[in-house]
């Protein structure tokens, strides 16, 4: 069986999954009576440091979001898992000539035409030690890539 050690947590403004960034294959030794239990125990142990990190970091991230939303003019609203994930809600403003105005228009139309003009997006990135972070946030407007990058930089300060 294979998997990735990690843990997830929810705060007022996000769902975050923090993991090793590596998929490992685990096989039970031949003399083990219940191989499935052996594998689940392996991952239960391997997940502990990620859960401990999130338990420590989540309250700090909560305070961070309270400051970052006005600082970077982020269109983030309280996280709600019930909203749809929509594509095309990120405005590519980092590199000149890289913007896709048609995709932005489609994204804006999707957001406006959704039931409540609110949607979830997820952002995946790595720490300096190649651990993986998947951040899910709820937004009420299109979000600029430069704002996402500023948010990622702020979040990475809490890891590694």
N, C-alpha and C. Protein backbone atom coordinates (compact mmCIF):
# COMPACT_ATOMS: atom_id res chain seq x y z
N UNK A 1 0.85 -1.17 0.00
CA UNK A 1 0.00 0.00 0.00
C UNK A 1 0.90 1.23 0.00
N UNK A 2 0.42 2.29 -0.67
CA UNK A 2 1.21 3.51 -0.69
C UNK A 2 0.36 4.67 -0.19
N UNK A 3 1.03 5.73 0.22
CA UNK A 3 0.35 6.90 0.73
C UNK A 3 1.36 7.98 1.07
N UNK A 4 0.84 9.05 1.64
CA UNK A 4 1.67 10.19 1.99
C UNK A 4 1.34 10.60 3.42
N UNK A 5 2.36 10.73 4.24
CA UNK A 5 2.15 11.16 5.62
C UNK A 5 1.77 12.63 5.62
N UNK A 6 0.76 12.98 6.39
CA UNK A 6 0.34 14.36 6.46
C UNK A 6 -0.87 14.53 7.35
N UNK A 7 -1.34 15.77 7.43
CA UNK A 7 -2.50 16.07 8.27
C UNK A 7 -3.21 17.30 7.70
N UNK A 8 -4.48 17.39 8.00
CA UNK A 8 -5.26 18.54 7.55
C UNK A 8 -5.89 19.25 8.72
N UNK A 9 -6.21 20.51 8.51
CA UNK A 9 -6.86 21.29 9.55
C UNK A 9 -7.69 22.39 8.92
N UNK A 10 -8.65 22.88 9.69
CA UNK A 10 -9.56 23.93 9.23
C UNK A 10 -9.50 25.09 10.20
N UNK A 11 -9.45 26.30 9.64
CA UNK A 11 -9.55 27.50 10.47
C UNK A 11 -10.68 28.36 9.91
N UNK A 12 -10.85 29.52 10.44
CA UNK A 12 -11.92 30.40 9.96
C UNK A 12 -11.78 30.71 8.48
N UNK A 13 -10.55 30.86 7.99
CA UNK A 13 -10.34 31.32 6.62
C UNK A 13 -9.81 30.26 5.65
N UNK A 14 -9.51 29.06 6.11
CA UNK A 14 -8.94 28.10 5.16
C UNK A 14 -9.05 26.67 5.65
N UNK A 15 -8.87 25.79 4.69
CA UNK A 15 -8.57 24.39 4.98
C UNK A 15 -7.14 24.21 4.52
N UNK A 16 -6.32 23.60 5.33
CA UNK A 16 -4.92 23.41 4.96
C UNK A 16 -4.54 21.95 5.15
N UNK A 17 -3.81 21.43 4.18
CA UNK A 17 -3.27 20.08 4.27
C UNK A 17 -1.76 20.21 4.17
N UNK A 18 -1.06 19.65 5.15
CA UNK A 18 0.39 19.74 5.23
C UNK A 18 0.93 18.32 5.23
N UNK A 19 1.84 18.02 4.30
CA UNK A 19 2.29 16.64 4.18
C UNK A 19 3.77 16.55 3.81
N UNK A 20 4.24 15.33 3.79
CA UNK A 20 5.65 15.06 3.52
C UNK A 20 6.05 15.43 2.09
N UNK A 21 5.10 15.45 1.19
CA UNK A 21 5.41 15.73 -0.20
C UNK A 21 5.94 14.52 -0.95
N UNK A 22 5.98 13.37 -0.26
CA UNK A 22 6.49 12.14 -0.88
C UNK A 22 5.52 11.00 -0.65
N UNK A 23 5.26 10.26 -1.69
CA UNK A 23 4.46 9.05 -1.56
C UNK A 23 5.40 7.91 -1.21
N UNK A 24 5.02 7.17 -0.20
CA UNK A 24 5.84 6.02 0.19
C UNK A 24 5.01 4.74 0.05
N UNK A 25 5.68 3.67 -0.27
CA UNK A 25 5.04 2.36 -0.33
C UNK A 25 5.43 1.60 0.93
N UNK A 26 4.43 1.04 1.57
CA UNK A 26 4.67 0.31 2.82
C UNK A 26 4.16 -1.11 2.64
N UNK A 27 5.00 -2.05 2.92
CA UNK A 27 4.61 -3.46 2.86
C UNK A 27 4.81 -4.07 4.24
N UNK A 28 3.87 -4.86 4.63
CA UNK A 28 3.98 -5.53 5.92
C UNK A 28 4.98 -6.69 5.82
N UNK A 29 5.75 -6.91 6.87
CA UNK A 29 6.64 -8.08 6.87
C UNK A 29 5.81 -9.36 6.73
N UNK A 30 6.39 -10.41 6.19
CA UNK A 30 5.63 -11.63 5.92
C UNK A 30 5.02 -12.28 7.16
N UNK A 31 5.56 -12.06 8.31
CA UNK A 31 5.07 -12.75 9.52
C UNK A 31 3.98 -11.97 10.25
N UNK A 32 3.50 -10.87 9.71
CA UNK A 32 2.46 -10.07 10.36
C UNK A 32 1.10 -10.68 10.08
N UNK A 33 0.28 -10.83 11.15
CA UNK A 33 -1.04 -11.45 11.00
C UNK A 33 -2.02 -10.58 10.22
N UNK A 34 -2.02 -9.27 10.48
CA UNK A 34 -2.97 -8.37 9.84
C UNK A 34 -2.20 -7.28 9.10
N UNK A 35 -1.84 -7.52 7.84
CA UNK A 35 -1.03 -6.54 7.09
C UNK A 35 -1.69 -5.16 6.98
N UNK A 36 -3.01 -5.11 6.81
CA UNK A 36 -3.70 -3.82 6.67
C UNK A 36 -3.53 -2.98 7.94
N UNK A 37 -3.60 -3.64 9.08
CA UNK A 37 -3.42 -2.95 10.36
C UNK A 37 -1.99 -2.43 10.50
N UNK A 38 -1.04 -3.21 10.03
CA UNK A 38 0.37 -2.80 10.08
C UNK A 38 0.58 -1.51 9.29
N UNK A 39 0.00 -1.46 8.09
CA UNK A 39 0.15 -0.28 7.24
C UNK A 39 -0.56 0.93 7.86
N UNK A 40 -1.76 0.73 8.36
CA UNK A 40 -2.48 1.86 8.97
C UNK A 40 -1.75 2.38 10.20
N UNK A 41 -1.13 1.49 10.97
CA UNK A 41 -0.34 1.93 12.13
C UNK A 41 0.89 2.72 11.69
N UNK A 42 1.49 2.31 10.57
CA UNK A 42 2.64 3.05 10.05
C UNK A 42 2.25 4.50 9.76
N UNK A 43 1.16 4.67 9.01
CA UNK A 43 0.75 6.03 8.64
C UNK A 43 0.23 6.81 9.85
N UNK A 44 -0.39 6.13 10.77
CA UNK A 44 -0.84 6.81 12.00
C UNK A 44 0.35 7.46 12.70
N UNK A 45 1.45 6.74 12.79
CA UNK A 45 2.68 7.26 13.40
C UNK A 45 3.32 8.34 12.53
N UNK A 46 3.37 8.09 11.23
CA UNK A 46 4.03 9.04 10.31
C UNK A 46 3.28 10.37 10.23
N UNK A 47 1.98 10.37 10.49
CA UNK A 47 1.18 11.59 10.43
C UNK A 47 1.37 12.50 11.64
N UNK A 48 1.83 11.97 12.74
CA UNK A 48 1.90 12.72 14.00
C UNK A 48 2.67 14.04 13.88
N UNK A 49 3.88 14.08 13.33
CA UNK A 49 4.58 15.37 13.29
C UNK A 49 3.85 16.43 12.46
N UNK A 50 3.13 16.02 11.44
CA UNK A 50 2.40 16.97 10.60
C UNK A 50 1.19 17.51 11.36
N UNK A 51 0.51 16.64 12.10
CA UNK A 51 -0.63 17.09 12.91
C UNK A 51 -0.16 18.02 14.03
N UNK A 52 0.96 17.68 14.66
CA UNK A 52 1.50 18.54 15.72
C UNK A 52 1.87 19.92 15.18
N UNK A 53 2.46 19.95 13.99
CA UNK A 53 2.80 21.24 13.37
C UNK A 53 1.55 22.05 13.10
N UNK A 54 0.53 21.41 12.52
CA UNK A 54 -0.71 22.14 12.23
C UNK A 54 -1.39 22.62 13.50
N UNK A 55 -1.39 21.80 14.55
CA UNK A 55 -2.00 22.22 15.82
C UNK A 55 -1.34 23.49 16.34
N UNK A 56 -0.04 23.59 16.14
CA UNK A 56 0.70 24.77 16.59
C UNK A 56 0.49 25.97 15.66
N UNK A 57 0.46 25.72 14.38
CA UNK A 57 0.45 26.78 13.37
C UNK A 57 -0.95 27.36 13.10
N UNK A 58 -2.00 26.55 13.19
CA UNK A 58 -3.34 27.03 12.82
C UNK A 58 -3.77 28.31 13.56
N UNK A 59 -3.60 28.42 14.87
CA UNK A 59 -3.99 29.68 15.53
C UNK A 59 -3.18 30.88 15.02
N UNK A 60 -1.91 30.65 14.71
CA UNK A 60 -1.07 31.73 14.18
C UNK A 60 -1.52 32.11 12.77
N UNK A 61 -1.89 31.12 11.96
CA UNK A 61 -2.40 31.41 10.62
C UNK A 61 -3.70 32.20 10.70
N UNK A 62 -4.53 31.85 11.66
CA UNK A 62 -5.80 32.57 11.85
C UNK A 62 -5.54 34.06 12.08
N UNK A 63 -4.62 34.37 12.97
CA UNK A 63 -4.25 35.77 13.22
C UNK A 63 -3.62 36.38 11.97
N UNK A 64 -2.83 35.59 11.26
CA UNK A 64 -2.20 36.07 10.04
C UNK A 64 -3.23 36.47 9.00
N UNK A 65 -4.23 35.62 8.76
CA UNK A 65 -5.26 35.94 7.77
C UNK A 65 -5.97 37.24 8.12
N UNK A 66 -6.22 37.45 9.40
CA UNK A 66 -6.89 38.69 9.84
C UNK A 66 -6.09 39.92 9.40
N UNK A 67 -4.76 39.79 9.40
CA UNK A 67 -3.89 40.90 8.99
C UNK A 67 -3.68 40.93 7.47
N UNK A 68 -3.53 39.77 6.85
CA UNK A 68 -3.19 39.70 5.42
C UNK A 68 -4.35 40.11 4.51
N UNK A 69 -5.58 39.82 4.91
CA UNK A 69 -6.73 40.16 4.06
C UNK A 69 -6.76 41.66 3.77
N UNK A 70 -6.69 42.53 4.78
CA UNK A 70 -6.66 43.96 4.45
C UNK A 70 -5.31 44.42 3.87
N UNK A 71 -4.21 43.85 4.34
CA UNK A 71 -2.88 44.27 3.88
C UNK A 71 -2.73 44.07 2.38
N UNK A 72 -3.16 42.94 1.86
CA UNK A 72 -3.02 42.61 0.44
C UNK A 72 -4.32 42.76 -0.34
N UNK A 73 -5.35 43.29 0.31
CA UNK A 73 -6.66 43.45 -0.32
C UNK A 73 -7.14 42.13 -0.92
N UNK A 74 -7.10 41.07 -0.12
CA UNK A 74 -7.46 39.73 -0.57
C UNK A 74 -8.97 39.54 -0.56
N UNK A 75 -9.53 38.91 -1.60
CA UNK A 75 -10.97 38.67 -1.65
C UNK A 75 -11.39 37.41 -0.88
N UNK A 76 -10.74 37.16 0.24
CA UNK A 76 -10.99 35.94 1.02
C UNK A 76 -12.11 36.22 2.03
N UNK A 77 -13.05 35.30 2.08
CA UNK A 77 -14.14 35.34 3.05
C UNK A 77 -14.02 34.07 3.91
N UNK A 78 -14.76 33.98 5.02
CA UNK A 78 -14.65 32.77 5.85
C UNK A 78 -14.83 31.49 5.02
N UNK A 79 -13.97 30.53 5.30
CA UNK A 79 -13.94 29.27 4.55
C UNK A 79 -15.24 28.50 4.73
N UNK A 80 -15.73 27.96 3.61
CA UNK A 80 -16.91 27.13 3.65
C UNK A 80 -16.74 26.02 2.61
N UNK A 81 -16.64 24.80 3.08
CA UNK A 81 -16.41 23.66 2.20
C UNK A 81 -17.57 23.39 1.25
N UNK A 82 -18.73 23.97 1.50
CA UNK A 82 -19.91 23.70 0.67
C UNK A 82 -19.85 24.39 -0.69
N UNK A 83 -19.01 25.42 -0.83
CA UNK A 83 -18.97 26.13 -2.10
C UNK A 83 -18.20 25.34 -3.14
N UNK A 84 -18.54 25.56 -4.40
CA UNK A 84 -17.91 24.87 -5.51
C UNK A 84 -16.46 25.30 -5.70
N UNK A 85 -15.68 24.42 -6.28
CA UNK A 85 -14.35 24.76 -6.76
C UNK A 85 -14.52 25.19 -8.21
N UNK A 86 -14.06 26.39 -8.53
CA UNK A 86 -14.19 26.89 -9.89
C UNK A 86 -12.83 27.19 -10.48
N UNK A 87 -12.66 26.89 -11.76
CA UNK A 87 -11.43 27.20 -12.49
C UNK A 87 -11.50 28.62 -13.02
N UNK A 88 -10.35 29.20 -13.32
CA UNK A 88 -10.30 30.49 -13.97
C UNK A 88 -10.51 31.69 -13.07
N UNK A 89 -10.37 31.50 -11.76
CA UNK A 89 -10.61 32.61 -10.83
C UNK A 89 -9.33 33.32 -10.41
N UNK A 90 -8.20 32.90 -11.00
CA UNK A 90 -6.91 33.52 -10.68
C UNK A 90 -6.48 34.36 -11.87
N UNK A 91 -6.25 35.64 -11.61
CA UNK A 91 -5.80 36.58 -12.64
C UNK A 91 -4.29 36.51 -12.71
N UNK A 92 -3.76 36.15 -13.85
CA UNK A 92 -2.31 36.04 -14.04
C UNK A 92 -1.72 37.42 -14.29
N UNK A 93 -1.26 38.07 -13.24
CA UNK A 93 -0.72 39.43 -13.36
C UNK A 93 0.77 39.51 -13.08
N UNK A 94 1.44 38.38 -12.94
CA UNK A 94 2.86 38.36 -12.58
C UNK A 94 3.78 38.63 -13.76
N UNK A 95 3.50 38.03 -14.90
CA UNK A 95 4.38 38.17 -16.05
C UNK A 95 3.65 38.92 -17.16
N UNK A 96 4.31 39.93 -17.68
CA UNK A 96 3.72 40.74 -18.74
C UNK A 96 3.42 39.86 -19.96
N UNK A 97 2.25 40.04 -20.51
CA UNK A 97 1.89 39.29 -21.70
C UNK A 97 1.39 37.89 -21.42
N UNK A 98 1.32 37.48 -20.14
CA UNK A 98 0.92 36.13 -19.79
C UNK A 98 -0.56 36.06 -19.40
N UNK A 99 -1.26 37.18 -19.40
CA UNK A 99 -2.66 37.19 -18.99
C UNK A 99 -3.54 36.60 -20.08
N UNK A 100 -4.50 35.82 -19.66
CA UNK A 100 -5.47 35.25 -20.57
C UNK A 100 -6.82 35.90 -20.25
N UNK A 101 -7.13 36.99 -20.96
CA UNK A 101 -8.33 37.76 -20.66
C UNK A 101 -9.60 36.95 -20.88
N UNK A 102 -9.58 36.05 -21.83
CA UNK A 102 -10.76 35.21 -22.07
C UNK A 102 -11.00 34.30 -20.87
N UNK A 103 -9.94 33.69 -20.35
CA UNK A 103 -10.07 32.82 -19.18
C UNK A 103 -10.54 33.62 -17.96
N UNK A 104 -10.02 34.83 -17.80
CA UNK A 104 -10.46 35.69 -16.70
C UNK A 104 -11.94 36.02 -16.83
N UNK A 105 -12.37 36.34 -18.06
CA UNK A 105 -13.78 36.66 -18.30
C UNK A 105 -14.65 35.45 -17.96
N UNK A 106 -14.22 34.28 -18.41
CA UNK A 106 -14.98 33.06 -18.12
C UNK A 106 -15.03 32.81 -16.61
N UNK A 107 -13.89 33.01 -15.92
CA UNK A 107 -13.85 32.83 -14.48
C UNK A 107 -14.79 33.78 -13.77
N UNK A 108 -14.77 35.03 -14.19
CA UNK A 108 -15.65 36.03 -13.57
C UNK A 108 -17.10 35.67 -13.82
N UNK A 109 -17.42 35.23 -15.04
CA UNK A 109 -18.79 34.81 -15.35
C UNK A 109 -19.22 33.63 -14.49
N UNK A 110 -18.32 32.66 -14.31
CA UNK A 110 -18.64 31.50 -13.46
C UNK A 110 -18.95 31.95 -12.04
N UNK A 111 -18.12 32.86 -11.53
CA UNK A 111 -18.30 33.34 -10.17
C UNK A 111 -19.61 34.11 -10.04
N UNK A 112 -19.86 35.01 -10.97
CA UNK A 112 -21.08 35.83 -10.92
C UNK A 112 -22.32 34.97 -11.11
N UNK A 113 -22.22 33.95 -11.98
CA UNK A 113 -23.38 33.12 -12.27
C UNK A 113 -23.56 31.96 -11.29
N UNK A 114 -22.62 31.79 -10.35
CA UNK A 114 -22.83 30.75 -9.33
C UNK A 114 -23.94 31.24 -8.41
N UNK A 115 -24.49 30.38 -7.61
CA UNK A 115 -25.66 30.71 -6.80
C UNK A 115 -25.44 31.89 -5.87
N UNK A 116 -24.23 32.07 -5.38
CA UNK A 116 -24.02 33.13 -4.39
C UNK A 116 -22.75 33.94 -4.62
N UNK A 117 -22.14 33.84 -5.78
CA UNK A 117 -20.93 34.60 -6.14
C UNK A 117 -19.79 34.39 -5.16
N UNK A 118 -19.68 33.19 -4.67
CA UNK A 118 -18.59 32.80 -3.78
C UNK A 118 -18.13 31.42 -4.23
N UNK A 119 -16.82 31.18 -4.23
CA UNK A 119 -16.30 29.88 -4.67
C UNK A 119 -15.03 29.54 -3.90
N UNK A 120 -14.66 28.28 -3.95
CA UNK A 120 -13.41 27.83 -3.36
C UNK A 120 -12.35 27.69 -4.45
N UNK A 121 -11.13 28.02 -4.08
CA UNK A 121 -9.98 27.73 -4.93
C UNK A 121 -8.96 27.02 -4.06
N UNK A 122 -8.14 26.23 -4.67
CA UNK A 122 -7.06 25.62 -3.89
C UNK A 122 -5.74 25.99 -4.51
N UNK A 123 -4.76 26.11 -3.62
CA UNK A 123 -3.42 26.54 -4.00
C UNK A 123 -2.46 25.51 -3.43
N UNK A 124 -1.66 24.89 -4.28
CA UNK A 124 -0.68 23.90 -3.83
C UNK A 124 0.71 24.49 -3.99
N UNK A 125 1.54 24.33 -2.96
CA UNK A 125 2.91 24.82 -3.03
C UNK A 125 3.77 24.02 -2.07
N UNK A 126 5.07 24.22 -2.14
CA UNK A 126 6.02 23.45 -1.33
C UNK A 126 6.80 24.36 -0.40
N UNK A 127 7.23 23.77 0.71
CA UNK A 127 8.11 24.47 1.63
C UNK A 127 9.54 24.35 1.11
N UNK A 128 10.48 25.01 1.79
CA UNK A 128 11.89 24.91 1.39
C UNK A 128 12.43 23.49 1.50
N UNK A 129 11.83 22.68 2.38
CA UNK A 129 12.28 21.30 2.52
C UNK A 129 11.41 20.34 1.70
N UNK A 130 10.66 20.88 0.74
CA UNK A 130 9.86 20.11 -0.21
C UNK A 130 8.65 19.43 0.41
N UNK A 131 8.26 19.86 1.59
CA UNK A 131 6.99 19.37 2.13
C UNK A 131 5.88 20.10 1.38
N UNK A 132 4.70 19.47 1.31
CA UNK A 132 3.62 19.99 0.48
C UNK A 132 2.56 20.67 1.35
N UNK A 133 2.06 21.79 0.85
CA UNK A 133 0.94 22.49 1.48
C UNK A 133 -0.13 22.65 0.41
N UNK A 134 -1.34 22.24 0.75
CA UNK A 134 -2.49 22.50 -0.11
C UNK A 134 -3.44 23.37 0.70
N UNK A 135 -3.67 24.56 0.21
CA UNK A 135 -4.50 25.54 0.89
C UNK A 135 -5.79 25.72 0.11
N UNK A 136 -6.91 25.59 0.77
CA UNK A 136 -8.21 25.86 0.14
C UNK A 136 -8.80 27.08 0.82
N UNK A 137 -9.17 28.06 0.01
CA UNK A 137 -9.77 29.28 0.53
C UNK A 137 -11.05 29.58 -0.23
N UNK A 138 -11.92 30.35 0.41
CA UNK A 138 -13.17 30.77 -0.19
C UNK A 138 -13.03 32.23 -0.57
N UNK A 139 -13.37 32.55 -1.82
CA UNK A 139 -13.21 33.93 -2.31
C UNK A 139 -14.54 34.44 -2.88
N UNK A 140 -14.65 35.78 -2.93
CA UNK A 140 -15.87 36.38 -3.48
C UNK A 140 -15.59 37.25 -4.70
N UNK A 141 -14.34 37.26 -5.17
CA UNK A 141 -13.94 37.98 -6.39
C UNK A 141 -12.77 37.22 -6.99
N UNK A 142 -12.41 37.57 -8.23
CA UNK A 142 -11.21 37.00 -8.81
C UNK A 142 -10.01 37.37 -7.95
N UNK A 143 -8.99 36.53 -7.94
CA UNK A 143 -7.81 36.77 -7.11
C UNK A 143 -6.58 36.84 -8.00
N UNK A 144 -5.76 37.83 -7.76
CA UNK A 144 -4.55 38.04 -8.56
C UNK A 144 -3.44 37.06 -8.13
N UNK A 145 -2.68 36.58 -9.11
CA UNK A 145 -1.55 35.68 -8.83
C UNK A 145 -0.56 36.36 -7.87
N UNK A 146 -0.34 37.67 -8.03
CA UNK A 146 0.60 38.37 -7.14
C UNK A 146 0.10 38.33 -5.69
N UNK A 147 -1.21 38.40 -5.49
CA UNK A 147 -1.77 38.30 -4.14
C UNK A 147 -1.60 36.89 -3.58
N UNK A 148 -1.79 35.90 -4.43
CA UNK A 148 -1.60 34.51 -4.01
C UNK A 148 -0.14 34.29 -3.61
N UNK A 149 0.78 34.81 -4.41
CA UNK A 149 2.20 34.65 -4.09
C UNK A 149 2.57 35.36 -2.78
N UNK A 150 1.98 36.52 -2.53
CA UNK A 150 2.22 37.21 -1.26
C UNK A 150 1.68 36.38 -0.10
N UNK A 151 0.50 35.81 -0.27
CA UNK A 151 -0.09 34.96 0.76
C UNK A 151 0.77 33.73 1.02
N UNK A 152 1.25 33.07 -0.05
CA UNK A 152 2.11 31.90 0.10
C UNK A 152 3.38 32.26 0.87
N UNK A 153 3.97 33.39 0.55
CA UNK A 153 5.19 33.84 1.24
C UNK A 153 4.93 34.01 2.74
N UNK A 154 3.81 34.61 3.07
CA UNK A 154 3.45 34.80 4.48
C UNK A 154 3.25 33.44 5.18
N UNK A 155 2.54 32.54 4.53
CA UNK A 155 2.27 31.22 5.13
C UNK A 155 3.54 30.41 5.31
N UNK A 156 4.42 30.47 4.34
CA UNK A 156 5.68 29.69 4.43
C UNK A 156 6.53 30.09 5.63
N UNK A 157 6.36 31.28 6.14
CA UNK A 157 7.11 31.71 7.33
C UNK A 157 6.80 30.84 8.55
N UNK A 158 5.67 30.16 8.54
CA UNK A 158 5.26 29.33 9.67
C UNK A 158 5.74 27.88 9.57
N UNK A 159 6.32 27.52 8.42
CA UNK A 159 6.72 26.14 8.21
C UNK A 159 8.23 26.06 7.96
N UNK A 160 8.82 24.92 8.28
CA UNK A 160 10.25 24.63 8.17
C UNK A 160 10.99 25.45 9.13
